[in-house]
Each structure stands twice: as structure tokens, then as C-alpha cells.
Amino acid sequence: MDIDRWLADYKKAWEDRDADAAAALFSEDALYRENPYEEPFRGRQGVHDYWTRVTATQSDVDVRYGTVIANTDRAAVEWWVTLKNDGADVTLAGEFYLLFDSAGLVRDLREYWHFGAGAIEPAPGWGE
């Protein structure tokens, strides 16, 4: 598993709003858990459909990551994103918990995030 490569590719997909590139980072049977209280998006097509919808109103996306914590098949990482949503500045701060398959694709993504109005910079020490 090359977590740094996966995260770089995910960052590029989000910043480019490229649903095809995002979906390619997941296994065919992946679960994408954007909300712990709702059903996950299932498989590459589910990831693609989710990404197409959620990024449609986004622009000027800037993704940052904190220090990755990883072992052989799983990783956790904080992320910080500023973007425009329908022209309004917003900030998303969150964390990924990722489970990888033997091919280095994510088979289970669990994310937890918070929304803030405006372009907000991380607090000192964030991501360490």
C-alpha cells in the first residue's frame, strides 16, 4: 500500500473535481461511508455518482493533509479543505479512516468532517 500516492491522487481528483479519477482509487466492492448514520455508497459506481453530485457546485478546491498514521492495510489522516461552494467560501475539516485491499485500492473509506463558513486556516499544530 502506498498511502502517500493514494492521498496525492485523491487530492488531485478532488481539486480537479474528477469523479472518474476518484472512483479509480476504490475497489469494485468498496464502501464509501461519508456519513456514519446513512448507508454507504457502494462500489466504484457509487463513489463516482457521489463525487459527481457533491463536487458539482465546488470550485477553487485546496486539499491539505496532516501526518498519516498507517500500518499494513489501514491508515488514518486528518484533512483540511478550503473551497468555494456555489461561489461562497467554505472550509471542511475532517479525517479519513481507510482500509486497503491487496492491490492498494481502498475497500472501505470512513470519513468524519465538519463544515465552517468562510476560508478558515487550521490552528497551530494542526495535522501533526
Protein backbone atom coordinates (compact mmCIF):
# COMPACT_ATOMS: atom_id res chain seq x y z
CA MET A 1 0.00 0.00 0.00
CA ASP A 2 1.39 3.39 -0.99
CA ILE A 3 -0.74 5.71 1.14
CA ASP A 4 1.15 8.83 0.10
CA ARG A 5 0.49 8.09 -3.56
CA TRP A 6 -3.18 7.28 -2.87
CA LEU A 7 -3.64 10.54 -0.93
CA ALA A 8 -1.90 12.56 -3.66
CA ASP A 9 -4.19 11.01 -6.28
CA TYR A 10 -7.27 11.66 -4.12
CA LYS A 11 -6.19 15.27 -3.61
CA LYS A 12 -5.75 15.76 -7.35
CA ALA A 13 -9.12 14.15 -8.07
CA TRP A 14 -10.87 16.44 -5.59
CA GLU A 15 -9.07 19.59 -6.70
CA ASP A 16 -9.84 18.74 -10.34
CA ARG A 17 -13.38 17.58 -9.43
CA ASP A 18 -12.67 14.39 -11.39
CA ALA A 19 -15.18 11.68 -10.43
CA ASP A 20 -13.53 9.14 -12.76
CA ALA A 21 -10.13 9.60 -11.09
CA ALA A 22 -11.68 9.43 -7.63
CA ALA A 23 -13.62 6.24 -8.38
CA ALA A 24 -10.48 4.57 -9.79
CA LEU A 25 -8.90 4.75 -6.30
CA PHE A 26 -11.50 2.33 -4.91
CA SER A 27 -12.07 -1.40 -5.27
CA GLU A 28 -15.09 -2.65 -7.22
CA ASP A 29 -16.78 -3.66 -3.94
CA ALA A 30 -15.73 -0.58 -1.94
CA LEU A 31 -17.81 1.07 0.74
CA TYR A 32 -17.61 4.87 0.96
CA ARG A 33 -19.03 5.98 4.31
CA GLU A 34 -19.50 9.73 4.03
CA ASN A 35 -21.98 9.78 6.91
CA PRO A 36 -21.94 7.20 9.74
CA TYR A 37 -25.75 7.35 10.04
CA GLU A 38 -26.55 6.64 6.40
CA GLU A 39 -25.98 3.78 4.02
CA PRO A 40 -22.53 3.85 2.38
CA PHE A 41 -22.02 4.48 -1.30
CA ARG A 42 -21.22 1.09 -2.80
CA GLY A 43 -18.60 0.17 -5.37
CA ARG A 44 -16.77 2.34 -7.84
CA GLN A 45 -20.02 3.42 -9.43
CA GLY A 46 -21.39 4.53 -6.07
CA VAL A 47 -18.22 6.56 -5.43
CA HIS A 48 -18.45 8.04 -8.92
CA ASP A 49 -22.10 9.02 -8.51
CA TYR A 50 -21.47 10.57 -5.08
CA TRP A 51 -18.46 12.53 -6.33
CA THR A 52 -20.29 13.76 -9.42
CA ARG A 53 -23.09 15.14 -7.26
CA VAL A 54 -21.08 16.56 -4.35
CA THR A 55 -18.39 18.33 -6.40
CA ALA A 56 -20.79 19.83 -8.97
CA THR A 57 -21.05 23.13 -7.04
CA GLN A 58 -17.42 23.25 -5.84
CA SER A 59 -14.55 25.33 -7.23
CA ASP A 60 -11.13 26.56 -6.09
CA VAL A 61 -10.63 23.40 -4.03
CA ASP A 62 -7.45 23.27 -1.90
CA VAL A 63 -6.81 19.99 -0.04
CA ARG A 64 -4.24 19.61 2.76
CA TYR A 65 -3.35 16.55 4.82
CA GLY A 66 -1.88 16.09 8.26
CA THR A 67 0.52 13.36 9.31
CA VAL A 68 -0.59 9.89 8.22
CA ILE A 69 -0.92 7.09 10.77
CA ALA A 70 -0.72 3.72 8.99
CA ASN A 71 0.02 0.03 9.25
CA THR A 72 -0.08 -2.74 6.67
CA ASP A 73 -3.63 -2.33 5.33
CA ARG A 74 -5.15 0.72 7.02
CA ALA A 75 -4.47 4.38 7.52
CA ALA A 76 -5.92 7.43 9.23
CA VAL A 77 -5.24 11.02 8.27
CA GLU A 78 -6.65 14.45 9.05
CA TRP A 79 -7.59 16.67 6.11
CA TRP A 80 -8.36 20.36 5.71
CA VAL A 81 -10.09 21.71 2.63
CA THR A 82 -10.98 25.24 1.59
CA LEU A 83 -13.21 25.70 -1.44
CA LYS A 84 -15.98 27.73 -2.94
CA ASN A 85 -19.42 26.12 -2.87
CA ASP A 86 -21.83 27.90 -5.19
CA GLY A 87 -19.37 30.80 -5.02
CA ALA A 88 -19.27 31.02 -1.20
CA ASP A 89 -16.03 30.36 0.71
CA VAL A 90 -16.28 27.33 2.97
CA THR A 91 -13.90 25.17 4.98
CA LEU A 92 -14.17 21.45 5.64
CA ALA A 93 -12.02 19.80 8.31
CA GLY A 94 -12.11 16.06 8.70
CA GLU A 95 -10.47 12.71 8.96
CA PHE A 96 -10.29 9.60 6.78
CA TYR A 97 -10.06 6.07 8.10
CA LEU A 98 -9.04 3.94 5.13
CA LEU A 99 -8.90 0.16 4.67
CA PHE A 100 -6.93 -1.04 1.64
CA ASP A 101 -7.08 -4.22 -0.41
CA SER A 102 -4.02 -6.13 -1.63
CA ALA A 103 -3.91 -4.05 -4.85
CA GLY A 104 -3.61 -0.77 -2.91
CA LEU A 105 -7.19 0.32 -3.59
CA VAL A 106 -9.47 1.48 -0.80
CA ARG A 107 -12.13 -1.07 0.06
CA ASP A 108 -13.62 0.93 2.93
CA LEU A 109 -13.49 4.70 3.50
CA ARG A 110 -14.94 6.21 6.62
CA GLU A 111 -14.86 9.97 6.90
CA TYR A 112 -15.83 12.37 9.63
CA TRP A 113 -15.93 16.08 8.86
CA HIS A 114 -17.08 19.50 9.96
CA PHE A 115 -18.26 22.45 7.90
CA GLY A 116 -17.30 26.08 8.52
CA ALA A 117 -18.42 29.20 6.67
CA GLY A 118 -15.56 31.20 5.17
CA ALA A 119 -11.96 30.32 4.34
CA ILE A 120 -10.52 29.30 7.72
CA GLU A 121 -6.88 28.42 8.35
CA PRO A 122 -6.00 25.48 10.61
CA ALA A 123 -4.99 26.13 14.20
CA PRO A 124 -1.26 25.99 15.00
CA GLY A 125 -0.13 22.38 15.33
CA TRP A 126 -2.94 21.01 13.17
CA GLY A 127 -2.07 17.83 11.35
CA GLU A 128 0.92 16.86 13.46
